[in-house]
Amino acid sequence: MIHEVEGDILLTKAQAIAHGIAANDPMNQGLALSLHEQYPAMHKDFHHWCHQNHPKPGEAWVWGGAEGARIVNLLTQDGGYGGGNRPGKATESIVNHSLRALKKIIAKEKFTSVALPKLATGVGGLEWNQVKPLIKSQLGDLDIPIYVYTVFHAGKQAVEP
């Protein structure tokens, strides 16, 4: 069940937050920066995972932190190796593979709810009308609430049905 909501995703009541990044992403802008600041251990652990596994775009990695925090890092963008750690642009194909990986993680981890932003529409460079159908296609049949934060309002908790 997909619910489009407005508010601050960091205030979600969802069990997990999923967001899009590149491998070795410096997490220095947008939602990634906010998550980096709130969960510095996640940033460190993500870079360690990238160094050990050399993940490819379309993969995903879930992090569990203190007090039950769960962050799913979706590799929605190219970049991270060779030319520095600057994220590249996303593609619909990569986002689709990332969402497929998220769906598997949701099943494996038995998440009861997930919040995500308008994936890959900021740094990733895609348009929302390209990404929204992918989210519906990959996650629309799940029996858990998927909260898609379509409008950001800093410090405002969304109404999550």
N, C-alpha and C. Protein backbone atom coordinates (compact mmCIF):
# COMPACT_ATOMS: atom_id res chain seq x y z
N MET A 1 0.83 -1.17 0.00
CA MET A 1 0.00 0.00 0.00
C MET A 1 0.88 1.24 0.00
N ILE A 2 0.85 1.97 -1.07
CA ILE A 2 1.66 3.17 -1.19
C ILE A 2 0.84 4.38 -0.79
N HIS A 3 1.42 5.19 0.10
CA HIS A 3 0.78 6.41 0.56
C HIS A 3 1.73 7.58 0.30
N GLU A 4 1.30 8.54 -0.49
CA GLU A 4 2.10 9.75 -0.69
C GLU A 4 1.81 10.70 0.45
N VAL A 5 2.87 11.18 1.10
CA VAL A 5 2.71 12.04 2.27
C VAL A 5 3.61 13.26 2.14
N GLU A 6 3.34 14.25 2.98
CA GLU A 6 4.15 15.47 3.03
C GLU A 6 4.66 15.65 4.44
N GLY A 7 5.94 15.98 4.56
CA GLY A 7 6.52 16.20 5.88
C GLY A 7 8.01 15.93 5.86
N ASP A 8 8.55 15.71 7.04
CA ASP A 8 9.98 15.47 7.24
C ASP A 8 10.19 13.97 7.42
N ILE A 9 10.83 13.33 6.47
CA ILE A 9 11.01 11.87 6.52
C ILE A 9 11.79 11.41 7.76
N LEU A 10 12.61 12.30 8.31
CA LEU A 10 13.35 11.93 9.52
C LEU A 10 12.44 11.77 10.73
N LEU A 11 11.21 12.24 10.64
CA LEU A 11 10.25 12.11 11.73
C LEU A 11 9.25 10.98 11.49
N THR A 12 9.52 10.15 10.49
CA THR A 12 8.61 9.06 10.16
C THR A 12 8.48 8.06 11.31
N LYS A 13 7.32 7.43 11.36
CA LYS A 13 7.09 6.33 12.30
C LYS A 13 7.34 4.98 11.61
N ALA A 14 7.72 5.01 10.33
CA ALA A 14 8.00 3.77 9.59
C ALA A 14 9.16 3.02 10.24
N GLN A 15 9.17 1.71 10.07
CA GLN A 15 10.22 0.89 10.65
C GLN A 15 11.57 1.13 9.98
N ALA A 16 11.57 1.50 8.71
CA ALA A 16 12.83 1.72 7.98
C ALA A 16 12.67 2.92 7.04
N ILE A 17 13.80 3.58 6.80
CA ILE A 17 13.88 4.64 5.80
C ILE A 17 14.78 4.12 4.69
N ALA A 18 14.32 4.22 3.45
CA ALA A 18 15.13 3.86 2.29
C ALA A 18 15.47 5.15 1.55
N HIS A 19 16.71 5.25 1.05
CA HIS A 19 17.10 6.43 0.29
C HIS A 19 18.11 6.03 -0.77
N GLY A 20 18.25 6.87 -1.78
CA GLY A 20 19.13 6.56 -2.89
C GLY A 20 20.47 7.28 -2.78
N ILE A 21 21.54 6.54 -3.10
CA ILE A 21 22.90 7.08 -3.08
C ILE A 21 23.73 6.32 -4.12
N ALA A 22 25.00 6.68 -4.19
CA ALA A 22 25.97 5.97 -5.02
C ALA A 22 26.94 5.22 -4.10
N ALA A 23 27.63 4.24 -4.64
CA ALA A 23 28.67 3.56 -3.86
C ALA A 23 29.71 4.59 -3.43
N ASN A 24 30.19 4.47 -2.21
CA ASN A 24 31.18 5.40 -1.64
C ASN A 24 30.70 6.84 -1.61
N ASP A 25 29.41 7.05 -1.65
CA ASP A 25 28.83 8.39 -1.64
C ASP A 25 29.32 9.15 -0.41
N PRO A 26 29.74 10.40 -0.57
CA PRO A 26 30.18 11.17 0.60
C PRO A 26 29.02 11.58 1.52
N MET A 27 27.78 11.37 1.05
CA MET A 27 26.59 11.71 1.83
C MET A 27 26.69 13.15 2.35
N ASN A 28 26.92 14.08 1.43
CA ASN A 28 27.12 15.48 1.83
C ASN A 28 26.04 16.42 1.30
N GLN A 29 24.90 15.86 0.87
CA GLN A 29 23.81 16.71 0.41
C GLN A 29 22.48 15.97 0.52
N GLY A 30 21.42 16.75 0.62
CA GLY A 30 20.07 16.20 0.65
C GLY A 30 19.80 15.29 1.84
N LEU A 31 18.92 14.32 1.62
CA LEU A 31 18.54 13.38 2.68
C LEU A 31 19.76 12.59 3.16
N ALA A 32 20.66 12.23 2.26
CA ALA A 32 21.85 11.47 2.66
C ALA A 32 22.64 12.24 3.72
N LEU A 33 22.78 13.55 3.55
CA LEU A 33 23.49 14.38 4.53
C LEU A 33 22.76 14.34 5.88
N SER A 34 21.46 14.48 5.86
CA SER A 34 20.68 14.44 7.11
C SER A 34 20.84 13.10 7.82
N LEU A 35 20.80 12.01 7.05
CA LEU A 35 20.99 10.68 7.64
C LEU A 35 22.41 10.51 8.16
N HIS A 36 23.39 11.02 7.42
CA HIS A 36 24.79 10.98 7.85
C HIS A 36 24.96 11.70 9.18
N GLU A 37 24.34 12.87 9.30
CA GLU A 37 24.45 13.65 10.54
C GLU A 37 23.74 12.96 11.70
N GLN A 38 22.59 12.35 11.43
CA GLN A 38 21.84 11.69 12.49
C GLN A 38 22.45 10.35 12.88
N TYR A 39 23.03 9.66 11.89
CA TYR A 39 23.59 8.33 12.12
C TYR A 39 25.02 8.25 11.57
N PRO A 40 26.00 8.90 12.22
CA PRO A 40 27.37 8.88 11.68
C PRO A 40 27.94 7.46 11.55
N ALA A 41 27.52 6.55 12.41
CA ALA A 41 28.02 5.17 12.31
C ALA A 41 27.54 4.52 11.02
N MET A 42 26.33 4.88 10.55
CA MET A 42 25.82 4.32 9.30
C MET A 42 26.73 4.71 8.14
N HIS A 43 27.14 5.99 8.13
CA HIS A 43 28.02 6.47 7.06
C HIS A 43 29.33 5.71 7.07
N LYS A 44 29.92 5.55 8.22
CA LYS A 44 31.19 4.82 8.34
C LYS A 44 31.02 3.36 7.92
N ASP A 45 29.96 2.72 8.40
CA ASP A 45 29.72 1.31 8.07
C ASP A 45 29.43 1.13 6.57
N PHE A 46 28.73 2.10 5.97
CA PHE A 46 28.44 2.03 4.54
C PHE A 46 29.74 2.06 3.73
N HIS A 47 30.65 2.96 4.09
CA HIS A 47 31.92 3.03 3.35
C HIS A 47 32.75 1.75 3.54
N HIS A 48 32.69 1.19 4.72
CA HIS A 48 33.40 -0.08 4.96
C HIS A 48 32.79 -1.17 4.08
N TRP A 49 31.45 -1.24 4.03
CA TRP A 49 30.77 -2.23 3.19
C TRP A 49 31.15 -2.04 1.73
N CYS A 50 31.16 -0.80 1.26
CA CYS A 50 31.52 -0.53 -0.14
C CYS A 50 32.95 -0.97 -0.43
N HIS A 51 33.86 -0.69 0.50
CA HIS A 51 35.26 -1.07 0.32
C HIS A 51 35.41 -2.59 0.25
N GLN A 52 34.65 -3.29 1.08
CA GLN A 52 34.74 -4.75 1.13
C GLN A 52 34.04 -5.43 -0.04
N ASN A 53 32.91 -4.85 -0.51
CA ASN A 53 32.05 -5.55 -1.47
C ASN A 53 32.02 -4.97 -2.88
N HIS A 54 32.50 -3.76 -3.06
CA HIS A 54 32.46 -3.10 -4.37
C HIS A 54 31.10 -3.27 -5.04
N PRO A 55 30.04 -2.78 -4.37
CA PRO A 55 28.70 -2.97 -4.92
C PRO A 55 28.48 -2.24 -6.23
N LYS A 56 27.55 -2.75 -6.98
CA LYS A 56 27.21 -2.17 -8.28
C LYS A 56 25.89 -1.39 -8.16
N PRO A 57 25.68 -0.42 -9.05
CA PRO A 57 24.39 0.28 -9.05
C PRO A 57 23.24 -0.72 -9.18
N GLY A 58 22.19 -0.48 -8.43
CA GLY A 58 21.04 -1.38 -8.43
C GLY A 58 21.00 -2.28 -7.21
N GLU A 59 22.09 -2.32 -6.45
CA GLU A 59 22.12 -3.13 -5.23
C GLU A 59 21.63 -2.30 -4.06
N ALA A 60 21.51 -2.93 -2.90
CA ALA A 60 21.05 -2.24 -1.70
C ALA A 60 21.72 -2.85 -0.47
N TRP A 61 21.85 -2.05 0.56
CA TRP A 61 22.45 -2.49 1.82
C TRP A 61 21.64 -1.91 2.97
N VAL A 62 21.28 -2.76 3.92
CA VAL A 62 20.49 -2.31 5.06
C VAL A 62 21.39 -2.17 6.29
N TRP A 63 21.20 -1.10 7.02
CA TRP A 63 21.96 -0.81 8.24
C TRP A 63 21.03 -0.75 9.42
N GLY A 64 21.44 -1.35 10.52
CA GLY A 64 20.68 -1.28 11.76
C GLY A 64 21.49 -0.57 12.82
N GLY A 65 20.87 0.39 13.47
CA GLY A 65 21.57 1.19 14.46
C GLY A 65 20.91 1.15 15.82
N ALA A 66 21.38 2.03 16.68
CA ALA A 66 20.89 2.13 18.04
C ALA A 66 19.40 2.44 18.04
N GLU A 67 18.73 1.96 19.07
CA GLU A 67 17.31 2.21 19.27
C GLU A 67 16.45 1.76 18.09
N GLY A 68 16.92 0.75 17.36
CA GLY A 68 16.12 0.15 16.30
C GLY A 68 16.11 0.87 14.97
N ALA A 69 16.95 1.88 14.79
CA ALA A 69 17.00 2.60 13.51
C ALA A 69 17.37 1.63 12.39
N ARG A 70 16.66 1.73 11.27
CA ARG A 70 16.93 0.88 10.10
C ARG A 70 16.97 1.79 8.88
N ILE A 71 18.08 1.78 8.18
CA ILE A 71 18.26 2.59 6.97
C ILE A 71 18.63 1.66 5.83
N VAL A 72 17.90 1.76 4.72
CA VAL A 72 18.22 0.97 3.53
C VAL A 72 18.86 1.92 2.52
N ASN A 73 20.10 1.66 2.20
CA ASN A 73 20.86 2.45 1.24
C ASN A 73 20.71 1.80 -0.13
N LEU A 74 19.97 2.48 -1.00
CA LEU A 74 19.72 1.98 -2.35
C LEU A 74 20.72 2.61 -3.30
N LEU A 75 21.46 1.79 -4.01
CA LEU A 75 22.46 2.31 -4.95
C LEU A 75 21.76 2.67 -6.25
N THR A 76 21.15 3.85 -6.26
CA THR A 76 20.36 4.32 -7.39
C THR A 76 21.20 5.08 -8.41
N GLN A 77 22.46 5.31 -8.10
CA GLN A 77 23.30 6.12 -8.97
C GLN A 77 24.64 5.44 -9.24
N ASP A 78 25.16 5.76 -10.40
CA ASP A 78 26.50 5.35 -10.76
C ASP A 78 27.49 6.19 -9.96
N GLY A 79 28.73 5.79 -10.00
CA GLY A 79 29.77 6.61 -9.38
C GLY A 79 30.38 5.91 -8.19
N GLY A 80 31.35 6.59 -7.62
CA GLY A 80 31.96 6.08 -6.41
C GLY A 80 33.31 5.42 -6.60
N TYR A 81 33.64 5.02 -7.81
CA TYR A 81 34.92 4.36 -8.03
C TYR A 81 35.66 5.04 -9.17
N GLY A 82 36.95 5.00 -9.12
CA GLY A 82 37.76 5.52 -10.23
C GLY A 82 37.84 7.03 -10.26
N GLY A 83 36.73 7.69 -10.56
CA GLY A 83 36.74 9.14 -10.71
C GLY A 83 36.42 9.88 -9.43
N GLY A 84 36.82 9.35 -8.29
CA GLY A 84 36.50 9.98 -7.03
C GLY A 84 35.21 9.41 -6.48
N ASN A 85 34.73 10.01 -5.43
CA ASN A 85 33.53 9.45 -4.80
C ASN A 85 32.30 10.31 -5.06
N ARG A 86 32.30 11.08 -6.12
CA ARG A 86 31.15 11.90 -6.45
C ARG A 86 30.08 11.06 -7.13
N PRO A 87 28.85 11.16 -6.65
CA PRO A 87 27.79 10.37 -7.27
C PRO A 87 27.48 10.84 -8.68
N GLY A 88 27.18 9.88 -9.53
CA GLY A 88 26.77 10.19 -10.89
C GLY A 88 25.27 10.29 -10.97
N LYS A 89 24.76 10.25 -12.17
CA LYS A 89 23.32 10.35 -12.38
C LYS A 89 22.67 8.97 -12.29
N ALA A 90 21.41 8.98 -11.92
CA ALA A 90 20.63 7.76 -11.85
C ALA A 90 20.03 7.46 -13.22
N THR A 91 19.62 6.22 -13.41
CA THR A 91 18.86 5.83 -14.58
C THR A 91 17.62 5.08 -14.10
N GLU A 92 16.60 5.03 -14.93
CA GLU A 92 15.39 4.30 -14.57
C GLU A 92 15.71 2.83 -14.32
N SER A 93 16.59 2.26 -15.12
CA SER A 93 16.95 0.86 -14.96
C SER A 93 17.61 0.60 -13.60
N ILE A 94 18.54 1.46 -13.22
CA ILE A 94 19.22 1.29 -11.92
C ILE A 94 18.23 1.46 -10.78
N VAL A 95 17.37 2.47 -10.86
CA VAL A 95 16.37 2.68 -9.80
C VAL A 95 15.45 1.47 -9.70
N ASN A 96 15.04 0.93 -10.83
CA ASN A 96 14.17 -0.25 -10.83
C ASN A 96 14.86 -1.43 -10.15
N HIS A 97 16.14 -1.66 -10.47
CA HIS A 97 16.88 -2.74 -9.81
C HIS A 97 17.01 -2.49 -8.31
N SER A 98 17.24 -1.24 -7.92
CA SER A 98 17.34 -0.90 -6.50
C SER A 98 16.02 -1.17 -5.78
N LEU A 99 14.92 -0.82 -6.41
CA LEU A 99 13.61 -1.07 -5.80
C LEU A 99 13.33 -2.56 -5.68
N ARG A 100 13.78 -3.33 -6.66
CA ARG A 100 13.65 -4.79 -6.59
C ARG A 100 14.45 -5.32 -5.40
N ALA A 101 15.66 -4.77 -5.21
CA ALA A 101 16.49 -5.17 -4.07
C ALA A 101 15.81 -4.76 -2.76
N LEU A 102 15.18 -3.59 -2.73
CA LEU A 102 14.46 -3.15 -1.54
C LEU A 102 13.32 -4.10 -1.21
N LYS A 103 12.59 -4.52 -2.22
CA LYS A 103 11.47 -5.45 -2.01
C LYS A 103 11.96 -6.75 -1.37
N LYS A 104 13.11 -7.25 -1.80
CA LYS A 104 13.69 -8.46 -1.21
C LYS A 104 14.10 -8.21 0.24
N ILE A 105 14.67 -7.05 0.51
CA ILE A 105 15.08 -6.71 1.88
C ILE A 105 13.86 -6.62 2.79
N ILE A 106 12.79 -5.99 2.29
CA ILE A 106 11.56 -5.87 3.08
C ILE A 106 11.07 -7.26 3.49
N ALA A 107 11.08 -8.20 2.57
CA ALA A 107 10.64 -9.56 2.87
C ALA A 107 11.59 -10.25 3.85
N LYS A 108 12.88 -10.14 3.60
CA LYS A 108 13.87 -10.82 4.44
C LYS A 108 13.87 -10.27 5.86
N GLU A 109 13.81 -8.95 6.00
CA GLU A 109 13.87 -8.31 7.30
C GLU A 109 12.50 -8.24 7.98
N LYS A 110 11.44 -8.61 7.25
CA LYS A 110 10.07 -8.56 7.75
C LYS A 110 9.69 -7.17 8.24
N PHE A 111 10.06 -6.16 7.45
CA PHE A 111 9.69 -4.79 7.79
C PHE A 111 8.17 -4.65 7.77
N THR A 112 7.65 -3.86 8.68
CA THR A 112 6.21 -3.63 8.75
C THR A 112 5.80 -2.31 8.09
N SER A 113 6.77 -1.46 7.79
CA SER A 113 6.51 -0.20 7.08
C SER A 113 7.85 0.39 6.64
N VAL A 114 7.81 1.13 5.52
CA VAL A 114 9.02 1.75 4.97
C VAL A 114 8.66 3.16 4.47
N ALA A 115 9.58 4.09 4.72
CA ALA A 115 9.44 5.45 4.20
C ALA A 115 10.55 5.69 3.19
N LEU A 116 10.22 6.39 2.10
CA LEU A 116 11.24 6.76 1.13
C LEU A 116 10.90 8.11 0.51
N PRO A 117 11.94 8.81 0.05
CA PRO A 117 11.72 10.08 -0.61
C PRO A 117 11.41 9.85 -2.09
N LYS A 118 11.30 10.93 -2.83
CA LYS A 118 11.19 10.81 -4.29
C LYS A 118 12.58 10.43 -4.80
N LEU A 119 12.83 9.12 -4.81
CA LEU A 119 14.14 8.57 -5.14
C LEU A 119 14.73 9.13 -6.42
N ALA A 120 16.02 9.43 -6.37
CA ALA A 120 16.83 9.77 -7.55
C ALA A 120 16.37 11.01 -8.30
N THR A 121 15.54 11.85 -7.64
CA THR A 121 15.06 13.06 -8.31
C THR A 121 15.84 14.31 -7.92
N GLY A 122 16.73 14.17 -6.95
CA GLY A 122 17.59 15.30 -6.57
C GLY A 122 18.91 15.17 -7.30
N VAL A 123 19.93 14.71 -6.57
CA VAL A 123 21.26 14.51 -7.15
C VAL A 123 21.21 13.53 -8.31
N GLY A 124 20.31 12.55 -8.23
CA GLY A 124 20.20 11.54 -9.28
C GLY A 124 19.77 12.08 -10.63
N GLY A 125 19.04 13.19 -10.62
CA GLY A 125 18.70 13.87 -11.86
C GLY A 125 17.48 13.37 -12.61
N LEU A 126 16.75 12.39 -12.07
CA LEU A 126 15.56 11.91 -12.75
C LEU A 126 14.35 12.79 -12.41
N GLU A 127 13.32 12.70 -13.22
CA GLU A 127 12.07 13.40 -12.96
C GLU A 127 11.15 12.47 -12.17
N TRP A 128 10.32 13.04 -11.31
CA TRP A 128 9.40 12.26 -10.49
C TRP A 128 8.48 11.41 -11.37
N ASN A 129 8.06 11.94 -12.53
CA ASN A 129 7.16 11.15 -13.39
C ASN A 129 7.87 9.93 -14.00
N GLN A 130 9.20 9.86 -13.91
CA GLN A 130 9.94 8.68 -14.34
C GLN A 130 10.03 7.65 -13.21
N VAL A 131 10.12 8.13 -11.98
CA VAL A 131 10.38 7.27 -10.82
C VAL A 131 9.10 6.73 -10.19
N LYS A 132 8.08 7.56 -10.12
CA LYS A 132 6.84 7.17 -9.46
C LYS A 132 6.26 5.85 -10.00
N PRO A 133 6.21 5.64 -11.33
CA PRO A 133 5.68 4.35 -11.83
C PRO A 133 6.56 3.15 -11.42
N LEU A 134 7.85 3.38 -11.27
CA LEU A 134 8.74 2.29 -10.85
C LEU A 134 8.43 1.88 -9.41
N ILE A 135 8.21 2.88 -8.55
CA ILE A 135 7.86 2.58 -7.16
C ILE A 135 6.54 1.82 -7.10
N LYS A 136 5.56 2.27 -7.87
CA LYS A 136 4.26 1.58 -7.88
C LYS A 136 4.40 0.16 -8.41
N SER A 137 5.20 -0.01 -9.45
CA SER A 137 5.39 -1.33 -10.05
C SER A 137 6.08 -2.30 -9.08
N GLN A 138 7.12 -1.85 -8.42
CA GLN A 138 7.91 -2.75 -7.57
C GLN A 138 7.33 -2.93 -6.16
N LEU A 139 6.72 -1.88 -5.62
CA LEU A 139 6.30 -1.93 -4.21
C LEU A 139 4.79 -1.86 -4.01
N GLY A 140 4.04 -1.59 -5.07
CA GLY A 140 2.61 -1.38 -4.95
C GLY A 140 1.81 -2.57 -4.48
N ASP A 141 2.34 -3.77 -4.65
CA ASP A 141 1.58 -4.96 -4.26
C ASP A 141 1.92 -5.45 -2.85
N LEU A 142 2.78 -4.73 -2.14
CA LEU A 142 3.15 -5.15 -0.79
C LEU A 142 2.00 -4.89 0.18
N ASP A 143 1.90 -5.73 1.20
CA ASP A 143 0.83 -5.61 2.20
C ASP A 143 1.23 -4.75 3.39
N ILE A 144 2.27 -3.96 3.24
CA ILE A 144 2.70 -3.06 4.31
C ILE A 144 2.62 -1.62 3.79
N PRO A 145 2.51 -0.66 4.70
CA PRO A 145 2.51 0.73 4.26
C PRO A 145 3.88 1.16 3.73
N ILE A 146 3.87 1.77 2.56
CA ILE A 146 5.06 2.39 1.97
C ILE A 146 4.74 3.88 1.91
N TYR A 147 5.45 4.66 2.71
CA TYR A 147 5.21 6.11 2.76
C TYR A 147 6.21 6.80 1.85
N VAL A 148 5.71 7.42 0.79
CA VAL A 148 6.56 8.14 -0.14
C VAL A 148 6.42 9.63 0.17
N TYR A 149 7.51 10.21 0.64
CA TYR A 149 7.53 11.63 0.99
C TYR A 149 7.72 12.44 -0.28
N THR A 150 6.59 12.98 -0.78
CA THR A 150 6.63 13.70 -2.04
C THR A 150 6.90 15.19 -1.87
N VAL A 151 6.59 15.72 -0.69
CA VAL A 151 6.86 17.13 -0.40
C VAL A 151 7.55 17.20 0.96
N PHE A 152 8.69 17.90 1.02
CA PHE A 152 9.45 18.03 2.25
C PHE A 152 9.02 19.28 3.01
N HIS A 153 8.70 19.07 4.28
CA HIS A 153 8.43 20.17 5.21
C HIS A 153 9.29 19.92 6.44
N ALA A 154 10.38 20.68 6.58
CA ALA A 154 11.32 20.49 7.68
C ALA A 154 10.61 20.57 9.02
N GLY A 155 10.89 19.57 9.87
CA GLY A 155 10.37 19.56 11.23
C GLY A 155 8.90 19.23 11.36
N LYS A 156 8.23 18.88 10.27
CA LYS A 156 6.80 18.58 10.32
C LYS A 156 6.60 17.07 10.12
N GLN A 157 5.94 16.46 11.09
CA GLN A 157 5.65 15.04 10.97
C GLN A 157 4.50 14.84 9.99
N ALA A 158 4.67 13.91 9.09
CA ALA A 158 3.64 13.61 8.11
C ALA A 158 2.49 12.84 8.75
N VAL A 159 1.34 12.92 8.12
CA VAL A 159 0.21 12.08 8.51
C VAL A 159 0.39 10.76 7.76
N GLU A 160 0.79 9.74 8.47
CA GLU A 160 1.04 8.42 7.88
C GLU A 160 -0.13 7.50 8.24
N PRO A 161 -0.98 7.18 7.27
CA PRO A 161 -2.16 6.33 7.56
C PRO A 161 -1.76 4.94 8.04
